[in-house]
Amino acid sequence: MKIELKPIGRRSGGTVSWDPETGEIWGPQSEEVRELIERAVRRGGVVTHPYPTFYEVDDPWHNVRDFALVVSQFWKVPAILREEVAV
């Protein structure tokens, strides 16, 4: 699925493609999103809206809710993800 990332604040926007079945991420913003996912997994979650709320994440590589939480730290949750799960 191709995801458009619209920034919140100073973070740059762009696109990333993600396959929740395989966990593969590719595209212009893939390195940035990959780093955020790896950090979230190490910490066991993310702090995002409404700040400072901590949400546990188990598998943002494959789970739509967890992936949406990771990107919601710096980008508006894309409609394609909101359709899958309410964050």
Protein backbone atom coordinates (compact mmCIF):
# COMPACT_ATOMS: atom_id res chain seq x y z
CA MET A 1 0.00 0.00 0.00
CA LYS A 2 1.29 3.42 -0.93
CA ILE A 3 1.00 5.90 1.93
CA GLU A 4 1.21 9.67 1.63
CA LEU A 5 2.82 11.23 4.69
CA LYS A 6 1.58 14.77 5.40
CA PRO A 7 3.79 16.43 7.99
CA ILE A 8 2.90 17.76 11.39
CA GLY A 9 5.32 20.53 12.28
CA ARG A 10 8.79 20.54 10.77
CA ARG A 11 9.00 16.94 9.59
CA SER A 12 9.13 16.62 5.81
CA GLY A 13 6.32 14.93 3.92
CA GLY A 14 6.58 12.31 1.25
CA THR A 15 5.51 8.80 0.48
CA VAL A 16 6.30 5.33 1.67
CA SER A 17 5.03 1.99 0.45
CA TRP A 18 4.30 -0.74 2.96
CA ASP A 19 3.23 -4.36 2.67
CA PRO A 20 1.71 -5.44 5.99
CA GLU A 21 1.81 -9.08 4.92
CA THR A 22 5.60 -9.17 4.49
CA GLY A 23 6.58 -6.15 6.60
CA GLU A 24 8.52 -4.66 3.67
CA ILE A 25 8.85 -0.88 3.45
CA TRP A 26 10.17 0.97 0.41
CA GLY A 27 10.04 4.40 -1.18
CA PRO A 28 11.37 7.91 -0.53
CA GLN A 29 10.57 8.02 3.21
CA SER A 30 11.31 4.34 3.90
CA GLU A 31 14.55 4.83 5.83
CA GLU A 32 12.99 7.40 8.14
CA VAL A 33 9.91 5.24 8.79
CA ARG A 34 12.08 2.14 9.25
CA GLU A 35 14.15 3.92 11.91
CA LEU A 36 10.99 5.03 13.73
CA ILE A 37 9.63 1.47 13.66
CA GLU A 38 12.88 0.05 15.01
CA ARG A 39 12.89 2.65 17.81
CA ALA A 40 9.25 1.90 18.68
CA VAL A 41 9.96 -1.83 18.86
CA ARG A 42 12.99 -1.26 21.13
CA ARG A 43 10.94 0.97 23.44
CA GLY A 44 7.82 -1.17 23.29
CA GLY A 45 5.69 1.74 22.10
CA VAL A 46 5.42 5.36 21.06
CA VAL A 47 4.38 8.67 22.57
CA THR A 48 1.91 10.43 20.32
CA HIS A 49 -1.36 12.38 20.25
CA PRO A 50 -2.88 13.38 22.54
CA TYR A 51 0.50 14.18 24.03
CA PRO A 52 1.98 12.76 26.16
CA THR A 53 0.10 9.48 25.70
CA PHE A 54 2.16 6.29 25.52
CA TYR A 55 0.79 3.54 23.26
CA GLU A 56 2.24 0.06 23.31
CA VAL A 57 3.12 -1.41 19.93
CA ASP A 58 3.88 -5.06 19.30
CA ASP A 59 4.49 -5.40 15.58
CA PRO A 60 4.44 -2.22 13.49
CA TRP A 61 6.05 -4.17 10.64
CA HIS A 62 2.80 -6.12 10.10
CA ASN A 63 0.05 -4.60 12.28
CA VAL A 64 -1.89 -1.67 10.77
CA ARG A 65 -2.75 -0.11 14.16
CA ASP A 66 0.87 -0.23 15.31
CA PHE A 67 2.14 1.14 11.98
CA ALA A 68 -0.41 3.99 12.17
CA LEU A 69 0.71 4.83 15.70
CA VAL A 70 4.34 5.00 14.59
CA VAL A 71 3.65 7.38 11.70
CA SER A 72 1.23 9.48 13.81
CA GLN A 73 4.22 10.75 15.79
CA PHE A 74 5.27 13.05 12.94
CA TRP A 75 2.63 12.81 10.21
CA LYS A 76 -1.13 13.01 10.00
CA VAL A 77 -2.55 9.50 10.02
CA PRO A 78 -3.22 8.80 6.33
CA ALA A 79 -6.81 7.97 5.33
CA ILE A 80 -5.73 4.57 4.01
CA LEU A 81 -4.63 3.62 7.54
CA ARG A 82 -7.59 5.28 9.29
CA GLU A 83 -9.91 3.16 7.15
CA GLU A 84 -8.23 0.04 8.50
CA VAL A 85 -8.25 0.95 12.19
CA ALA A 86 -9.30 3.87 14.38
CA VAL A 87 -6.27 5.42 16.10
